[in-house]
Amino acid sequence: MSDTYDIEQILLIANDAEKTAYKIFNERISKNTWPIYFKTKFGKYLKEGIKVIFYIAGQDEKAQSFIASAKIKTIIENEIMEFDPNNKFSRVICNIKFEDINLFKQGVKIQNHLNNLSFIKTKDKRYFGLYLQGGVSRIDKQSFDYIIKHSIQNF
């Protein structure tokens, strides 16, 4: 992947598909692999060393919560065309492997913290979901640190 866009931290977002977002997250983390789809926003700018927070979208278990953090260890480019079994029509261009995976003991519910997350720039916080579309979202250091801090305080 290219490193011409200076990204230091991101959100990786699991959405409901063939399974719930939380089940998809658990499968991916247990295998330590996260697919990046063709045309994923910011996908081509991912690189080793980027810090990650995982967000569960959707409506079921752990929905609308930040639930874990990690760091990108490697990015494995696909040499053959692959499709995600949880999202049948999404072509996978690469898979991310992680290190320093930290599962939060309790998720950080986004709705309880909207006013303190500076990456959500809309004044009308009802539209926060716009900042969580596309599977990968950029997040500023201040918001990243805030989420990590509140994941620790949840113990």
Protein backbone atom coordinates (compact mmCIF):
# COMPACT_ATOMS: atom_id res chain seq x y z
CA MET A 1 0.00 0.00 0.00
CA SER A 2 1.08 3.58 -0.56
CA ASP A 3 2.30 5.82 2.22
CA THR A 4 1.82 9.17 0.48
CA TYR A 5 -1.10 10.05 2.76
CA ASP A 6 0.18 10.60 6.31
CA ILE A 7 -2.18 8.54 8.46
CA GLU A 8 -1.09 7.60 11.98
CA GLN A 9 -4.32 6.17 13.41
CA ILE A 10 -7.54 4.79 11.94
CA LEU A 11 -10.83 3.18 12.79
CA LEU A 12 -11.61 -0.20 11.28
CA ILE A 13 -15.35 -0.66 11.17
CA ALA A 14 -17.22 -3.96 11.22
CA ASN A 15 -20.74 -3.82 9.78
CA ASP A 16 -23.62 -6.25 9.89
CA ALA A 17 -23.61 -8.42 6.76
CA GLU A 18 -24.10 -12.19 6.45
CA LYS A 19 -23.44 -12.22 10.24
CA THR A 20 -23.59 -9.57 12.94
CA ALA A 21 -20.77 -7.04 13.01
CA TYR A 22 -19.53 -8.35 16.36
CA LYS A 23 -19.35 -11.95 15.10
CA ILE A 24 -17.48 -10.77 12.01
CA PHE A 25 -15.06 -8.82 14.23
CA ASN A 26 -14.45 -11.88 16.43
CA GLU A 27 -13.79 -14.12 13.44
CA ARG A 28 -11.35 -11.66 11.92
CA ILE A 29 -9.47 -11.04 15.17
CA SER A 30 -9.27 -14.75 16.02
CA LYS A 31 -7.61 -15.29 12.62
CA ASN A 32 -5.64 -12.04 12.93
CA THR A 33 -6.70 -10.94 9.47
CA TRP A 34 -8.83 -8.02 8.33
CA PRO A 35 -9.81 -7.72 4.67
CA ILE A 36 -9.59 -4.43 2.83
CA TYR A 37 -11.93 -4.19 -0.12
CA PHE A 38 -11.43 -2.72 -3.55
CA LYS A 39 -12.37 1.00 -3.36
CA THR A 40 -12.31 1.08 0.47
CA LYS A 41 -11.88 4.67 1.55
CA PHE A 42 -8.25 5.24 2.66
CA GLY A 43 -7.46 1.57 1.93
CA LYS A 44 -4.57 2.38 -0.38
CA TYR A 45 -2.91 4.54 2.29
CA LEU A 46 -2.66 1.89 4.98
CA LYS A 47 0.81 0.91 6.15
CA GLU A 48 2.63 -0.92 8.90
CA GLY A 49 2.71 0.81 12.28
CA ILE A 50 -0.64 2.61 12.02
CA LYS A 51 -2.60 2.45 15.28
CA VAL A 52 -6.11 1.04 15.02
CA ILE A 53 -9.31 1.22 17.02
CA PHE A 54 -12.05 -1.24 16.09
CA TYR A 55 -15.64 -0.01 15.91
CA ILE A 56 -18.73 -2.21 15.79
CA ALA A 57 -21.52 -0.70 13.70
CA GLY A 58 -24.89 -2.32 13.18
CA GLN A 59 -27.70 -3.08 15.57
CA ASP A 60 -26.79 -6.18 17.57
CA GLU A 61 -24.31 -7.14 20.28
CA LYS A 62 -21.75 -4.42 21.13
CA ALA A 63 -23.22 -2.20 18.38
CA GLN A 64 -22.08 1.39 18.08
CA SER A 65 -19.09 0.82 20.35
CA PHE A 66 -15.33 0.99 20.15
CA ILE A 67 -14.20 -2.42 21.40
CA ALA A 68 -10.49 -2.97 20.78
CA SER A 69 -7.20 -1.48 19.64
CA ALA A 70 -4.15 -2.79 17.81
CA LYS A 71 -1.32 -1.79 15.53
CA ILE A 72 -0.90 -2.83 11.90
CA LYS A 73 1.93 -5.34 11.72
CA THR A 74 1.82 -6.27 8.04
CA ILE A 75 -0.31 -5.82 4.96
CA ILE A 76 -0.55 -8.81 2.65
CA GLU A 77 -1.47 -7.90 -0.92
CA ASN A 78 -3.69 -10.44 -2.69
CA GLU A 79 -2.21 -12.00 -5.79
CA ILE A 80 -5.45 -13.72 -6.75
CA MET A 81 -8.98 -12.35 -6.69
CA GLU A 82 -10.60 -13.08 -3.33
CA PHE A 83 -14.05 -12.26 -1.98
CA ASP A 84 -15.04 -11.84 1.66
CA PRO A 85 -17.31 -14.73 2.77
CA ASN A 86 -19.19 -12.30 5.05
CA ASN A 87 -19.80 -9.83 2.24
CA LYS A 88 -20.10 -11.91 -0.92
CA PHE A 89 -19.78 -9.13 -3.48
CA SER A 90 -16.79 -7.37 -1.94
CA ARG A 91 -13.47 -8.00 -3.65
CA VAL A 92 -10.57 -8.14 -1.17
CA ILE A 93 -7.38 -6.41 -2.32
CA CYS A 94 -5.30 -7.08 0.79
CA ASN A 95 -5.46 -8.43 4.33
CA ILE A 96 -4.12 -6.68 7.41
CA LYS A 97 -2.32 -8.54 10.20
CA PHE A 98 -2.05 -6.95 13.66
CA GLU A 99 0.16 -6.83 16.72
CA ASP A 100 -0.53 -5.49 20.21
CA ILE A 101 -4.22 -6.43 20.02
CA ASN A 102 -6.07 -5.14 23.09
CA LEU A 103 -9.70 -6.16 23.59
CA PHE A 104 -11.47 -3.62 25.78
CA LYS A 105 -13.14 -5.24 28.80
CA GLN A 106 -16.14 -3.06 28.12
CA GLY A 107 -16.87 -1.20 24.90
CA VAL A 108 -16.88 2.57 24.69
CA LYS A 109 -20.36 3.51 23.45
CA ILE A 110 -19.96 6.24 20.86
CA GLN A 111 -23.21 8.01 21.72
CA ASN A 112 -21.96 8.70 25.26
CA HIS A 113 -18.86 10.48 23.94
CA LEU A 114 -19.88 12.30 20.74
CA ASN A 115 -19.13 15.78 22.09
CA ASN A 116 -15.54 14.73 22.92
CA LEU A 117 -14.64 13.09 19.61
CA SER A 118 -13.12 15.77 17.41
CA PHE A 119 -13.00 13.58 14.28
CA ILE A 120 -16.81 13.88 14.18
CA LYS A 121 -17.07 17.39 12.83
CA THR A 122 -20.82 17.78 12.35
CA LYS A 123 -22.59 20.11 14.77
CA ASP A 124 -25.70 17.92 14.68
CA LYS A 125 -24.34 14.79 16.38
CA ARG A 126 -27.29 12.69 15.18
CA TYR A 127 -25.34 12.33 11.92
CA PHE A 128 -22.18 10.84 13.46
CA GLY A 129 -22.62 7.71 11.32
CA LEU A 130 -21.43 9.63 8.26
CA TYR A 131 -17.94 9.58 9.77
CA LEU A 132 -18.03 5.80 10.19
CA GLN A 133 -18.82 4.72 6.65
CA GLY A 134 -16.58 2.88 4.26
CA GLY A 135 -14.89 0.31 6.50
CA VAL A 136 -11.87 2.52 7.28
CA SER A 137 -12.05 6.02 8.76
CA ARG A 138 -9.34 8.43 9.71
CA ILE A 139 -9.28 9.52 13.32
CA ASP A 140 -7.22 12.30 14.86
CA LYS A 141 -4.78 11.63 17.70
CA GLN A 142 -6.91 13.52 20.24
CA SER A 143 -9.97 11.33 19.57
CA PHE A 144 -7.85 8.17 19.46
CA ASP A 145 -6.27 8.94 22.84
CA TYR A 146 -9.66 9.87 24.30
CA ILE A 147 -11.16 6.49 23.31
CA ILE A 148 -8.17 4.58 24.68
CA LYS A 149 -8.37 6.53 27.94
CA HIS A 150 -12.07 5.74 28.31
CA SER A 151 -11.58 2.09 27.48
CA ILE A 152 -9.24 1.88 30.48
CA GLN A 153 -11.64 3.80 32.75
CA ASN A 154 -14.37 1.24 31.97
CA PHE A 155 -12.63 -1.43 34.07
